[in-house]
Amino acid sequence: MRLREDYRTMTGPEKAALLMMSVGEENATRLFSIMDDDEIKELSQAMANLGNVSSQMVERLLVEFADQISSTGSLVGNFDNTERLLAKVLDQDRVSGIMDEIRGPAGRTMWEKLTNVNETVLANYLKNEYPQTVAVVLSKIKSEHAAKVLGLLPEPFAMEVIMRMLRMESVQKEVLDDVERTLRNEFMSNLARTNRRDSHELMADIFNYLERSVESRFLTSLEERNKDSAERIKALMFTFEDLGNLDPGGVQTLLRNAGKDKISIALKGSSEDLRNLFFSNMSERAAKIMREDMGAMGPVRLRDVDEAQMYIVQIAKDLAASGEIIISEGKGDDELVY
């Protein structure tokens, strides 16, 4: 059989067939398992008719494949894209269950999520649990939130919880894991289905997209009507200046995922400290070029700066949600992860 050596004559299915034969049986089996019957038939027919292929053609295919993968640009995951992808391979009930779990209230760990659950909702759930379980939960969430929850529990029950917290020593990992698993399966999943999103969290997200003058006007009016809600929304809002709490690795990850043009415009309206943080995490040459580009821009409209900053903030939130960066408040272990 003649040896095939002309790469330019290969069709798409033939390239796919050659790639499948090059990645080994184990990897090929995994790929076949996620294809539909028509795809498998087309690929199998191409594999059967491939014939002898030179090693040079195999090498060229792998180089082309690697080049195409690396040139796709940065990828940022978010809830909508994830749900859309899952819907292609899972039934709707399973997709809804998974998305309800990962959305939940804002927070990366179970205890961070609980801190963002309304104290009345949490107290109503915990009052039906064992006092020892409640003691474990209150010892893991922030003290301010634990105090609000404790104050809403029936007094005799609250005293039982207090006594157990006073006698509590280090909690065994197995016990902690069991409590966390119960909370996730019985409480958080139901909460996510019945209350997809806290109203203050939703408003904070909307306010993040308002122009500065409009945002300021609304917050001022809200403070006059309901100061607690205004303060809660401000605490949940995430601004471009909050990126100053990123560690060097986080800044570098953000730089790789956000366009340099957008960052240049966004930094035009930032503090000097934030500019220096970004510049210090670039190469000297890249920082010099960006400074020169910013200088050459001249005056930039505030609206353009706001749009660029909102764009980068959204990328930062998506990166934090996927665990690629951590956005902290700069208060030790207290972290805000969106």
C-alpha atoms as a PDB file:
ATOM      1  CA  MET A   1       0.000   0.000   0.000  1.00  0.00           C
ATOM      2  CA  ARG A   2       1.329   3.403  -0.999  1.00  0.00           C
ATOM      3  CA  LEU A   3       2.641   5.657   1.796  1.00  0.00           C
ATOM      4  CA  ARG A   4       0.676   8.891   2.088  1.00  0.00           C
ATOM      5  CA  GLU A   5       2.958  11.915   2.315  1.00  0.00           C
ATOM      6  CA  ASP A   6       0.970  14.874   0.932  1.00  0.00           C
ATOM      7  CA  TYR A   7      -0.566  16.588   3.966  1.00  0.00           C
ATOM      8  CA  ARG A   8      -2.396  19.187   1.849  1.00  0.00           C
ATOM      9  CA  THR A   9      -4.746  16.556   0.376  1.00  0.00           C
ATOM     10  CA  MET A  10      -6.036  15.369   3.764  1.00  0.00           C
ATOM     11  CA  THR A  11      -9.679  16.127   4.560  1.00  0.00           C
ATOM     12  CA  GLY A  12     -10.982  17.234   7.969  1.00  0.00           C
ATOM     13  CA  PRO A  13     -12.324  13.783   8.894  1.00  0.00           C
ATOM     14  CA  GLU A  14      -9.005  12.207   7.836  1.00  0.00           C
ATOM     15  CA  LYS A  15      -7.075  14.622  10.075  1.00  0.00           C
ATOM     16  CA  ALA A  16      -9.436  13.804  12.946  1.00  0.00           C
ATOM     17  CA  ALA A  17      -8.977  10.081  12.293  1.00  0.00           C
ATOM     18  CA  LEU A  18      -5.187  10.434  12.277  1.00  0.00           C
ATOM     19  CA  LEU A  19      -5.294  12.420  15.512  1.00  0.00           C
ATOM     20  CA  MET A  20      -7.432   9.728  17.162  1.00  0.00           C
ATOM     21  CA  MET A  21      -4.944   7.057  16.147  1.00  0.00           C
ATOM     22  CA  SER A  22      -2.063   9.182  17.477  1.00  0.00           C
ATOM     23  CA  VAL A  23      -3.328   9.836  21.009  1.00  0.00           C
ATOM     24  CA  GLY A  24      -3.369   6.197  22.152  1.00  0.00           C
ATOM     25  CA  GLU A  25      -6.193   3.764  22.867  1.00  0.00           C
ATOM     26  CA  GLU A  26      -7.067   5.086  26.333  1.00  0.00           C
ATOM     27  CA  ASN A  27      -7.471   8.702  25.198  1.00  0.00           C
ATOM     28  CA  ALA A  28      -9.226   7.660  21.980  1.00  0.00           C
ATOM     29  CA  THR A  29     -11.726   5.630  24.032  1.00  0.00           C
ATOM     30  CA  ARG A  30     -12.526   8.698  26.161  1.00  0.00           C
ATOM     31  CA  LEU A  31     -13.058  10.821  23.058  1.00  0.00           C
ATOM     32  CA  PHE A  32     -15.328   8.233  21.439  1.00  0.00           C
ATOM     33  CA  SER A  33     -17.426   8.067  24.622  1.00  0.00           C
ATOM     34  CA  ILE A  34     -18.528  11.715  24.226  1.00  0.00           C
ATOM     35  CA  MET A  35     -19.366  11.510  20.501  1.00  0.00           C
ATOM     36  CA  ASP A  36     -22.740  10.693  18.997  1.00  0.00           C
ATOM     37  CA  ASP A  37     -23.277   7.709  16.663  1.00  0.00           C
ATOM     38  CA  ASP A  38     -23.009   9.727  13.428  1.00  0.00           C
ATOM     39  CA  GLU A  39     -19.681  11.228  14.490  1.00  0.00           C
ATOM     40  CA  ILE A  40     -18.328   7.804  15.450  1.00  0.00           C
ATOM     41  CA  LYS A  41     -19.399   6.283  12.118  1.00  0.00           C
ATOM     42  CA  GLU A  42     -17.843   9.089  10.065  1.00  0.00           C
ATOM     43  CA  LEU A  43     -14.605   8.982  12.057  1.00  0.00           C
ATOM     44  CA  SER A  44     -14.429   5.162  11.981  1.00  0.00           C
ATOM     45  CA  GLN A  45     -14.849   5.112   8.205  1.00  0.00           C
ATOM     46  CA  ALA A  46     -12.057   7.690   7.822  1.00  0.00           C
ATOM     47  CA  MET A  47      -9.796   5.623  10.100  1.00  0.00           C
ATOM     48  CA  ALA A  48     -10.489   2.431   8.143  1.00  0.00           C
ATOM     49  CA  ASN A  49      -9.613   4.096   4.821  1.00  0.00           C
ATOM     50  CA  LEU A  50      -6.603   6.066   6.053  1.00  0.00           C
ATOM     51  CA  GLY A  51      -3.944   3.663   4.857  1.00  0.00           C
ATOM     52  CA  ASN A  52      -0.231   4.118   5.585  1.00  0.00           C
ATOM     53  CA  VAL A  53       0.714   7.637   6.723  1.00  0.00           C
ATOM     54  CA  SER A  54       4.285   8.919   6.997  1.00  0.00           C
ATOM     55  CA  SER A  55       5.702  10.017  10.339  1.00  0.00           C
ATOM     56  CA  GLN A  56       6.258  13.492   8.857  1.00  0.00           C
ATOM     57  CA  MET A  57       2.497  13.843   8.250  1.00  0.00           C
ATOM     58  CA  VAL A  58       1.736  12.741  11.810  1.00  0.00           C
ATOM     59  CA  GLU A  59       4.178  15.302  13.166  1.00  0.00           C
ATOM     60  CA  ARG A  60       2.728  18.071  10.984  1.00  0.00           C
ATOM     61  CA  LEU A  61      -0.816  17.249  12.142  1.00  0.00           C
ATOM     62  CA  LEU A  62       0.165  17.435  15.813  1.00  0.00           C
ATOM     63  CA  VAL A  63       1.978  20.738  15.287  1.00  0.00           C
ATOM     64  CA  GLU A  64      -1.043  22.188  13.486  1.00  0.00           C
ATOM     65  CA  PHE A  65      -3.368  20.948  16.233  1.00  0.00           C
ATOM     66  CA  ALA A  66      -1.186  22.484  18.966  1.00  0.00           C
ATOM     67  CA  ASP A  67      -0.991  25.793  17.057  1.00  0.00           C
ATOM     68  CA  GLN A  68      -4.761  25.975  16.670  1.00  0.00           C
ATOM     69  CA  ILE A  69      -5.354  25.223  20.339  1.00  0.00           C
ATOM     70  CA  SER A  70      -2.839  27.865  21.495  1.00  0.00           C
ATOM     71  CA  SER A  71      -4.229  30.526  19.138  1.00  0.00           C
ATOM     72  CA  THR A  72      -7.806  30.317  20.393  1.00  0.00           C
ATOM     73  CA  GLY A  73      -7.070  33.151  22.837  1.00  0.00           C
ATOM     74  CA  SER A  74      -7.914  33.346  26.501  1.00  0.00           C
ATOM     75  CA  LEU A  75     -10.963  31.522  27.795  1.00  0.00           C
ATOM     76  CA  VAL A  76     -13.084  32.751  30.677  1.00  0.00           C
ATOM     77  CA  GLY A  77     -15.662  30.445  32.224  1.00  0.00           C
ATOM     78  CA  ASN A  78     -18.914  31.713  33.649  1.00  0.00           C
ATOM     79  CA  PHE A  79     -22.254  30.301  34.795  1.00  0.00           C
ATOM     80  CA  ASP A  80     -24.065  30.835  31.501  1.00  0.00           C
ATOM     81  CA  ASN A  81     -21.379  29.163  29.378  1.00  0.00           C
ATOM     82  CA  THR A  82     -21.108  26.274  31.820  1.00  0.00           C
ATOM     83  CA  GLU A  83     -24.884  25.705  31.855  1.00  0.00           C
ATOM     84  CA  ARG A  84     -25.021  25.848  28.054  1.00  0.00           C
ATOM     85  CA  LEU A  85     -22.237  23.264  27.765  1.00  0.00           C
ATOM     86  CA  LEU A  86     -23.774  20.920  30.345  1.00  0.00           C
ATOM     87  CA  ALA A  87     -27.131  21.098  28.557  1.00  0.00           C
ATOM     88  CA  LYS A  88     -25.545  19.492  25.510  1.00  0.00           C
ATOM     89  CA  VAL A  89     -24.522  16.327  27.360  1.00  0.00           C
ATOM     90  CA  LEU A  90     -26.917  16.027  30.343  1.00  0.00           C
ATOM     91  CA  ASP A  91     -30.682  16.064  30.812  1.00  0.00           C
ATOM     92  CA  GLN A  92     -32.262  19.280  32.084  1.00  0.00           C
ATOM     93  CA  ASP A  93     -32.987  17.985  35.617  1.00  0.00           C
ATOM     94  CA  ARG A  94     -29.326  17.080  36.172  1.00  0.00           C
ATOM     95  CA  VAL A  95     -28.148  20.387  34.713  1.00  0.00           C
ATOM     96  CA  SER A  96     -30.523  22.326  36.972  1.00  0.00           C
ATOM     97  CA  GLY A  97     -29.342  20.414  40.049  1.00  0.00           C
ATOM     98  CA  ILE A  98     -25.664  21.002  39.302  1.00  0.00           C
ATOM     99  CA  MET A  99     -26.142  24.698  38.514  1.00  0.00           C
ATOM    100  CA  ASP A 100     -28.264  25.243  41.630  1.00  0.00           C
ATOM    101  CA  GLU A 101     -25.466  23.773  43.731  1.00  0.00           C
ATOM    102  CA  ILE A 102     -22.594  25.770  42.228  1.00  0.00           C
ATOM    103  CA  ARG A 103     -24.525  29.029  42.112  1.00  0.00           C
ATOM    104  CA  GLY A 104     -25.826  29.071  45.663  1.00  0.00           C
ATOM    105  CA  PRO A 105     -25.135  32.240  47.675  1.00  0.00           C
ATOM    106  CA  ALA A 106     -21.853  34.041  46.962  1.00  0.00           C
ATOM    107  CA  GLY A 107     -18.826  32.260  48.405  1.00  0.00           C
ATOM    108  CA  ARG A 108     -16.173  29.721  47.536  1.00  0.00           C
ATOM    109  CA  THR A 109     -16.439  27.371  50.543  1.00  0.00           C
ATOM    110  CA  MET A 110     -19.566  26.127  52.290  1.00  0.00           C
ATOM    111  CA  TRP A 111     -18.888  28.396  55.282  1.00  0.00           C
ATOM    112  CA  GLU A 112     -18.444  31.483  53.085  1.00  0.00           C
ATOM    113  CA  LYS A 113     -21.740  30.632  51.391  1.00  0.00           C
ATOM    114  CA  LEU A 114     -23.480  30.320  54.770  1.00  0.00           C
ATOM    115  CA  THR A 115     -22.222  33.753  55.792  1.00  0.00           C
ATOM    116  CA  ASN A 116     -24.090  35.186  52.792  1.00  0.00           C
ATOM    117  CA  VAL A 117     -27.358  33.433  53.679  1.00  0.00           C
ATOM    118  CA  ASN A 118     -29.959  35.675  55.297  1.00  0.00           C
ATOM    119  CA  GLU A 119     -29.787  35.182  59.085  1.00  0.00           C
ATOM    120  CA  THR A 120     -33.544  34.517  59.391  1.00  0.00           C
ATOM    121  CA  VAL A 121     -33.423  31.804  56.724  1.00  0.00           C
ATOM    122  CA  LEU A 122     -30.399  30.177  58.368  1.00  0.00           C
ATOM    123  CA  ALA A 123     -31.897  30.387  61.876  1.00  0.00           C
ATOM    124  CA  ASN A 124     -35.160  28.801  60.700  1.00  0.00           C
ATOM    125  CA  TYR A 125     -33.207  25.849  59.345  1.00  0.00           C
ATOM    126  CA  LEU A 126     -30.806  25.444  62.281  1.00  0.00           C
ATOM    127  CA  LYS A 127     -33.509  25.531  64.983  1.00  0.00           C
ATOM    128  CA  ASN A 128     -34.545  22.042  63.828  1.00  0.00           C
ATOM    129  CA  GLU A 129     -31.007  20.637  64.068  1.00  0.00           C
ATOM    130  CA  TYR A 130     -29.141  19.189  67.051  1.00  0.00           C
ATOM    131  CA  PRO A 131     -27.564  21.866  69.317  1.00  0.00           C
ATOM    132  CA  GLN A 132     -24.126  20.321  68.717  1.00  0.00           C
ATOM    133  CA  THR A 133     -24.555  20.661  64.944  1.00  0.00           C
ATOM    134  CA  VAL A 134     -25.617  24.298  65.313  1.00  0.00           C
ATOM    135  CA  ALA A 135     -22.608  24.931  67.563  1.00  0.00           C
ATOM    136  CA  VAL A 136     -20.293  23.600  64.860  1.00  0.00           C
ATOM    137  CA  VAL A 137     -21.925  25.768  62.191  1.00  0.00           C
ATOM    138  CA  LEU A 138     -21.832  28.974  64.270  1.00  0.00           C
ATOM    139  CA  SER A 139     -18.191  28.359  65.147  1.00  0.00           C
ATOM    140  CA  LYS A 140     -17.282  28.240  61.440  1.00  0.00           C
ATOM    141  CA  ILE A 141     -19.075  31.332  60.108  1.00  0.00           C
ATOM    142  CA  LYS A 142     -18.210  34.972  60.815  1.00  0.00           C
ATOM    143  CA  SER A 143     -18.908  36.073  64.387  1.00  0.00           C
ATOM    144  CA  GLU A 144     -21.101  38.993  63.322  1.00  0.00           C
ATOM    145  CA  HIS A 145     -23.356  36.712  61.296  1.00  0.00           C
ATOM    146  CA  ALA A 146     -23.320  34.008  64.001  1.00  0.00           C
ATOM    147  CA  ALA A 147     -24.520  36.599  66.539  1.00  0.00           C
ATOM    148  CA  LYS A 148     -27.518  37.535  64.358  1.00  0.00           C
ATOM    149  CA  VAL A 149     -28.449  33.883  63.865  1.00  0.00           C
ATOM    150  CA  LEU A 150     -28.049  33.088  67.562  1.00  0.00           C
ATOM    151  CA  GLY A 151     -30.320  35.980  68.499  1.00  0.00           C
ATOM    152  CA  LEU A 152     -33.095  34.566  66.302  1.00  0.00           C
ATOM    153  CA  LEU A 153     -33.036  31.058  67.799  1.00  0.00           C
ATOM    154  CA  PRO A 154     -35.515  30.141  70.593  1.00  0.00           C
ATOM    155  CA  GLU A 155     -33.824  31.168  73.832  1.00  0.00           C
ATOM    156  CA  PRO A 156     -33.663  27.740  75.573  1.00  0.00           C
ATOM    157  CA  PHE A 157     -32.294  26.203  72.375  1.00  0.00           C
ATOM    158  CA  ALA A 158     -29.821  29.091  71.937  1.00  0.00           C
ATOM    159  CA  MET A 159     -28.508  28.521  75.482  1.00  0.00           C
ATOM    160  CA  GLU A 160     -27.953  24.833  74.688  1.00  0.00           C
ATOM    161  CA  VAL A 161     -25.945  25.903  71.637  1.00  0.00           C
ATOM    162  CA  ILE A 162     -23.922  28.401  73.690  1.00  0.00           C
ATOM    163  CA  MET A 163     -23.048  25.759  76.307  1.00  0.00           C
ATOM    164  CA  ARG A 164     -21.836  23.378  73.610  1.00  0.00           C
ATOM    165  CA  MET A 165     -19.779  26.106  71.954  1.00  0.00           C
ATOM    166  CA  LEU A 166     -18.134  26.873  75.306  1.00  0.00           C
ATOM    167  CA  ARG A 167     -17.225  23.206  75.800  1.00  0.00           C
ATOM    168  CA  MET A 168     -16.192  22.687  72.204  1.00  0.00           C
ATOM    169  CA  GLU A 169     -12.598  21.843  71.480  1.00  0.00           C
ATOM    170  CA  SER A 170     -11.186  21.133  68.029  1.00  0.00           C
ATOM    171  CA  VAL A 171     -13.799  19.551  65.789  1.00  0.00           C
ATOM    172  CA  GLN A 172     -12.774  16.266  64.188  1.00  0.00           C
ATOM    173  CA  LYS A 173     -12.438  16.460  60.429  1.00  0.00           C
ATOM    174  CA  GLU A 174     -14.906  13.591  59.948  1.00  0.00           C
ATOM    175  CA  VAL A 175     -17.557  15.449  61.979  1.00  0.00           C
ATOM    176  CA  LEU A 176     -16.926  18.683  60.074  1.00  0.00           C
ATOM    177  CA  ASP A 177     -17.149  16.891  56.732  1.00  0.00           C
ATOM    178  CA  ASP A 178     -20.403  15.236  57.777  1.00  0.00           C
ATOM    179  CA  VAL A 179     -21.975  18.554  58.830  1.00  0.00           C
ATOM    180  CA  GLU A 180     -20.793  20.216  55.617  1.00  0.00           C
ATOM    181  CA  ARG A 181     -22.173  17.382  53.498  1.00  0.00           C
ATOM    182  CA  THR A 182     -25.561  17.567  55.241  1.00  0.00           C
ATOM    183  CA  LEU A 183     -25.740  21.324  54.794  1.00  0.00           C
ATOM    184  CA  ARG A 184     -24.886  21.031  51.129  1.00  0.00           C
ATOM    185  CA  ASN A 185     -27.356  18.235  50.383  1.00  0.00           C
ATOM    186  CA  GLU A 186     -30.276  19.307  52.560  1.00  0.00           C
ATOM    187  CA  PHE A 187     -30.029  23.079  52.966  1.00  0.00           C
ATOM    188  CA  MET A 188     -27.969  24.766  50.257  1.00  0.00           C
ATOM    189  CA  SER A 189     -29.486  22.834  47.354  1.00  0.00           C
ATOM    190  CA  ASN A 190     -33.033  23.634  48.553  1.00  0.00           C
ATOM    191  CA  LEU A 191     -32.079  27.261  49.171  1.00  0.00           C
ATOM    192  CA  ALA A 192     -30.655  27.613  45.669  1.00  0.00           C
ATOM    193  CA  ARG A 193     -33.839  26.236  44.138  1.00  0.00           C
ATOM    194  CA  THR A 194     -36.221  28.361  46.207  1.00  0.00           C
ATOM    195  CA  ASN A 195     -34.211  31.575  46.237  1.00  0.00           C
ATOM    196  CA  ARG A 196     -31.860  31.668  43.287  1.00  0.00           C
ATOM    197  CA  ARG A 197     -30.190  34.863  44.381  1.00  0.00           C
ATOM    198  CA  ASP A 198     -30.212  37.250  47.317  1.00  0.00           C
ATOM    199  CA  SER A 199     -31.948  40.499  46.311  1.00  0.00           C
ATOM    200  CA  HIS A 200     -29.128  42.647  47.713  1.00  0.00           C
ATOM    201  CA  GLU A 201     -26.563  40.620  45.775  1.00  0.00           C
ATOM    202  CA  LEU A 202     -28.617  41.097  42.606  1.00  0.00           C
ATOM    203  CA  MET A 203     -28.876  44.861  43.153  1.00  0.00           C
ATOM    204  CA  ALA A 204     -25.139  45.111  43.874  1.00  0.00           C
ATOM    205  CA  ASP A 205     -24.425  43.415  40.561  1.00  0.00           C
ATOM    206  CA  ILE A 206     -26.778  45.824  38.758  1.00  0.00           C
ATOM    207  CA  PHE A 207     -25.218  48.832  40.497  1.00  0.00           C
ATOM    208  CA  ASN A 208     -21.783  47.668  39.315  1.00  0.00           C
ATOM    209  CA  TYR A 209     -22.945  48.331  35.757  1.00  0.00           C
ATOM    210  CA  LEU A 210     -24.367  51.793  36.377  1.00  0.00           C
ATOM    211  CA  GLU A 211     -22.482  54.922  35.369  1.00  0.00           C
ATOM    212  CA  ARG A 212     -20.726  56.444  38.368  1.00  0.00           C
ATOM    213  CA  SER A 213     -22.967  59.504  38.595  1.00  0.00           C
ATOM    214  CA  VAL A 214     -26.142  57.386  38.409  1.00  0.00           C
ATOM    215  CA  GLU A 215     -24.783  54.855  40.904  1.00  0.00           C
ATOM    216  CA  SER A 216     -23.884  57.600  43.367  1.00  0.00           C
ATOM    217  CA  ARG A 217     -27.313  59.228  43.018  1.00  0.00           C
ATOM    218  CA  PHE A 218     -29.173  55.949  43.582  1.00  0.00           C
ATOM    219  CA  LEU A 219     -27.053  54.968  46.589  1.00  0.00           C
ATOM    220  CA  THR A 220     -27.525  58.385  48.187  1.00  0.00           C
ATOM    221  CA  SER A 221     -31.309  58.124  47.766  1.00  0.00           C
ATOM    222  CA  LEU A 222     -31.310  54.549  49.064  1.00  0.00           C
ATOM    223  CA  GLU A 223     -29.310  55.563  52.159  1.00  0.00           C
ATOM    224  CA  GLU A 224     -32.052  58.073  53.004  1.00  0.00           C
ATOM    225  CA  ARG A 225     -34.781  55.433  52.675  1.00  0.00           C
ATOM    226  CA  ASN A 226     -33.045  52.295  53.950  1.00  0.00           C
ATOM    227  CA  LYS A 227     -29.518  52.756  55.265  1.00  0.00           C
ATOM    228  CA  ASP A 228     -29.030  49.059  56.091  1.00  0.00           C
ATOM    229  CA  SER A 229     -29.844  47.980  52.539  1.00  0.00           C
ATOM    230  CA  ALA A 230     -27.579  50.655  51.109  1.00  0.00           C
ATOM    231  CA  GLU A 231     -24.678  49.533  53.292  1.00  0.00           C
ATOM    232  CA  ARG A 232     -25.265  45.888  52.417  1.00  0.00           C
ATOM    233  CA  ILE A 233     -25.307  46.648  48.690  1.00  0.00           C
ATOM    234  CA  LYS A 234     -22.115  48.715  48.954  1.00  0.00           C
ATOM    235  CA  ALA A 235     -20.410  45.858  50.794  1.00  0.00           C
ATOM    236  CA  LEU A 236     -21.409  43.420  48.038  1.00  0.00           C
ATOM    237  CA  MET A 237     -20.438  45.724  45.186  1.00  0.00           C
ATOM    238  CA  PHE A 238     -17.117  45.053  43.538  1.00  0.00           C
ATOM    239  CA  THR A 239     -15.199  47.944  42.030  1.00  0.00           C
ATOM    240  CA  PHE A 240     -12.134  48.228  39.835  1.00  0.00           C
ATOM    241  CA  GLU A 241     -10.123  49.583  42.769  1.00  0.00           C
ATOM    242  CA  ASP A 242     -10.821  46.337  44.678  1.00  0.00           C
ATOM    243  CA  LEU A 243      -8.407  44.680  42.254  1.00  0.00           C
ATOM    244  CA  GLY A 244      -5.698  46.305  44.362  1.00  0.00           C
ATOM    245  CA  ASN A 245      -6.175  43.381  46.776  1.00  0.00           C
ATOM    246  CA  LEU A 246      -5.035  40.835  44.200  1.00  0.00           C
ATOM    247  CA  ASP A 247      -1.764  39.041  44.822  1.00  0.00           C
ATOM    248  CA  PRO A 248       0.945  39.152  42.089  1.00  0.00           C
ATOM    249  CA  GLY A 249      -0.184  35.821  40.646  1.00  0.00           C
ATOM    250  CA  GLY A 250      -3.762  37.075  40.426  1.00  0.00           C
ATOM    251  CA  VAL A 251      -2.710  40.272  38.641  1.00  0.00           C
ATOM    252  CA  GLN A 252      -0.665  38.276  36.132  1.00  0.00           C
ATOM    253  CA  THR A 253      -3.581  35.905  35.488  1.00  0.00           C
ATOM    254  CA  LEU A 254      -5.874  38.890  34.929  1.00  0.00           C
ATOM    255  CA  LEU A 255      -3.355  40.480  32.557  1.00  0.00           C
ATOM    256  CA  ARG A 256      -3.292  37.291  30.484  1.00  0.00           C
ATOM    257  CA  ASN A 257      -7.076  37.171  30.245  1.00  0.00           C
ATOM    258  CA  ALA A 258      -7.940  40.837  29.696  1.00  0.00           C
ATOM    259  CA  GLY A 259      -6.937  42.757  26.574  1.00  0.00           C
ATOM    260  CA  LYS A 260      -4.082  45.228  26.948  1.00  0.00           C
ATOM    261  CA  ASP A 261      -6.150  47.960  25.257  1.00  0.00           C
ATOM    262  CA  LYS A 262      -8.943  47.590  27.813  1.00  0.00           C
ATOM    263  CA  ILE A 263      -6.477  47.619  30.709  1.00  0.00           C
ATOM    264  CA  SER A 264      -4.795  50.768  29.386  1.00  0.00           C
ATOM    265  CA  ILE A 265      -8.106  52.634  29.227  1.00  0.00           C
ATOM    266  CA  ALA A 266      -9.247  51.285  32.622  1.00  0.00           C
ATOM    267  CA  LEU A 267      -6.015  52.363  34.316  1.00  0.00           C
ATOM    268  CA  LYS A 268      -6.445  55.915  32.991  1.00  0.00           C
ATOM    269  CA  GLY A 269      -9.157  56.359  35.599  1.00  0.00           C
ATOM    270  CA  SER A 270      -7.541  54.404  38.454  1.00  0.00           C
ATOM    271  CA  SER A 271      -5.446  55.364  41.454  1.00  0.00           C
ATOM    272  CA  GLU A 272      -1.675  55.598  41.144  1.00  0.00           C
ATOM    273  CA  ASP A 273      -1.300  52.636  43.528  1.00  0.00           C
ATOM    274  CA  LEU A 274      -3.408  50.389  41.304  1.00  0.00           C
ATOM    275  CA  ARG A 275      -1.476  51.467  38.205  1.00  0.00           C
ATOM    276  CA  ASN A 276       1.791  50.639  39.924  1.00  0.00           C
ATOM    277  CA  LEU A 277       0.435  47.216  40.966  1.00  0.00           C
ATOM    278  CA  PHE A 278      -0.336  46.342  37.336  1.00  0.00           C
ATOM    279  CA  PHE A 279       2.926  47.779  36.005  1.00  0.00           C
ATOM    280  CA  SER A 280       4.997  45.928  38.619  1.00  0.00           C
ATOM    281  CA  ASN A 281       3.565  42.620  37.407  1.00  0.00           C
ATOM    282  CA  MET A 282       4.550  43.226  33.774  1.00  0.00           C
ATOM    283  CA  SER A 283       7.938  43.038  32.176  1.00  0.00           C
ATOM    284  CA  GLU A 284       9.773  46.383  32.120  1.00  0.00           C
ATOM    285  CA  ARG A 285       9.305  46.575  28.367  1.00  0.00           C
ATOM    286  CA  ALA A 286       5.556  45.819  28.511  1.00  0.00           C
ATOM    287  CA  ALA A 287       5.026  48.350  31.315  1.00  0.00           C
ATOM    288  CA  LYS A 288       6.966  51.002  29.379  1.00  0.00           C
ATOM    289  CA  ILE A 289       4.884  50.402  26.252  1.00  0.00           C
ATOM    290  CA  MET A 290       1.607  50.580  28.218  1.00  0.00           C
ATOM    291  CA  ARG A 291       2.658  53.838  29.910  1.00  0.00           C
ATOM    292  CA  GLU A 292       3.512  55.318  26.515  1.00  0.00           C
ATOM    293  CA  ASP A 293       0.185  54.124  25.060  1.00  0.00           C
ATOM    294  CA  MET A 294      -1.722  55.683  27.954  1.00  0.00           C
ATOM    295  CA  GLY A 295       0.146  58.947  27.497  1.00  0.00           C
ATOM    296  CA  ALA A 296      -0.551  58.979  23.759  1.00  0.00           C
ATOM    297  CA  MET A 297      -4.297  58.512  24.363  1.00  0.00           C
ATOM    298  CA  GLY A 298      -4.724  61.984  25.740  1.00  0.00           C
ATOM    299  CA  PRO A 299      -8.029  62.696  27.543  1.00  0.00           C
ATOM    300  CA  VAL A 300     -10.402  59.716  27.632  1.00  0.00           C
ATOM    301  CA  ARG A 301     -14.166  59.940  28.148  1.00  0.00           C
ATOM    302  CA  LEU A 302     -15.285  58.857  31.608  1.00  0.00           C
ATOM    303  CA  ARG A 303     -17.882  56.594  30.005  1.00  0.00           C
ATOM    304  CA  ASP A 304     -15.144  54.716  28.104  1.00  0.00           C
ATOM    305  CA  VAL A 305     -13.111  54.323  31.302  1.00  0.00           C
ATOM    306  CA  ASP A 306     -16.171  52.998  33.172  1.00  0.00           C
ATOM    307  CA  GLU A 307     -16.928  50.488  30.406  1.00  0.00           C
ATOM    308  CA  ALA A 308     -13.317  49.232  30.360  1.00  0.00           C
ATOM    309  CA  GLN A 309     -13.240  48.917  34.152  1.00  0.00           C
ATOM    310  CA  MET A 310     -16.575  47.045  34.238  1.00  0.00           C
ATOM    311  CA  TYR A 311     -15.300  44.692  31.527  1.00  0.00           C
ATOM    312  CA  ILE A 312     -12.158  43.855  33.531  1.00  0.00           C
ATOM    313  CA  VAL A 313     -14.106  43.532  36.788  1.00  0.00           C
ATOM    314  CA  GLN A 314     -16.402  40.974  35.120  1.00  0.00           C
ATOM    315  CA  ILE A 315     -13.392  38.982  33.901  1.00  0.00           C
ATOM    316  CA  ALA A 316     -11.943  39.101  37.431  1.00  0.00           C
ATOM    317  CA  LYS A 317     -15.235  37.804  38.868  1.00  0.00           C
ATOM    318  CA  ASP A 318     -15.323  34.957  36.341  1.00  0.00           C
ATOM    319  CA  LEU A 319     -11.708  34.040  37.130  1.00  0.00           C
ATOM    320  CA  ALA A 320     -12.472  34.123  40.865  1.00  0.00           C
ATOM    321  CA  ALA A 321     -15.558  31.955  40.361  1.00  0.00           C
ATOM    322  CA  SER A 322     -13.460  29.356  38.563  1.00  0.00           C
ATOM    323  CA  GLY A 323     -10.827  29.459  41.338  1.00  0.00           C
ATOM    324  CA  GLU A 324      -8.053  30.879  39.149  1.00  0.00           C
ATOM    325  CA  ILE A 325      -7.646  33.995  41.305  1.00  0.00           C
ATOM    326  CA  ILE A 326      -8.637  34.971  44.842  1.00  0.00           C
ATOM    327  CA  ILE A 327     -10.036  38.424  45.516  1.00  0.00           C
ATOM    328  CA  SER A 328      -9.597  39.290  49.179  1.00  0.00           C
ATOM    329  CA  GLU A 329     -10.513  42.227  51.377  1.00  0.00           C
ATOM    330  CA  GLY A 330      -6.982  42.341  52.736  1.00  0.00           C
ATOM    331  CA  LYS A 331      -8.181  41.175  56.170  1.00  0.00           C
ATOM    332  CA  GLY A 332      -6.283  38.004  56.769  1.00  0.00           C
ATOM    333  CA  ASP A 333      -8.406  34.965  56.017  1.00  0.00           C
ATOM    334  CA  ASP A 334     -11.510  36.974  55.099  1.00  0.00           C
ATOM    335  CA  GLU A 335     -11.983  36.661  51.356  1.00  0.00           C
ATOM    336  CA  LEU A 336     -14.547  37.885  48.901  1.00  0.00           C
ATOM    337  CA  VAL A 337     -14.868  35.391  46.080  1.00  0.00           C
ATOM    338  CA  TYR A 338     -17.439  36.078  43.415  1.00  0.00           C
END
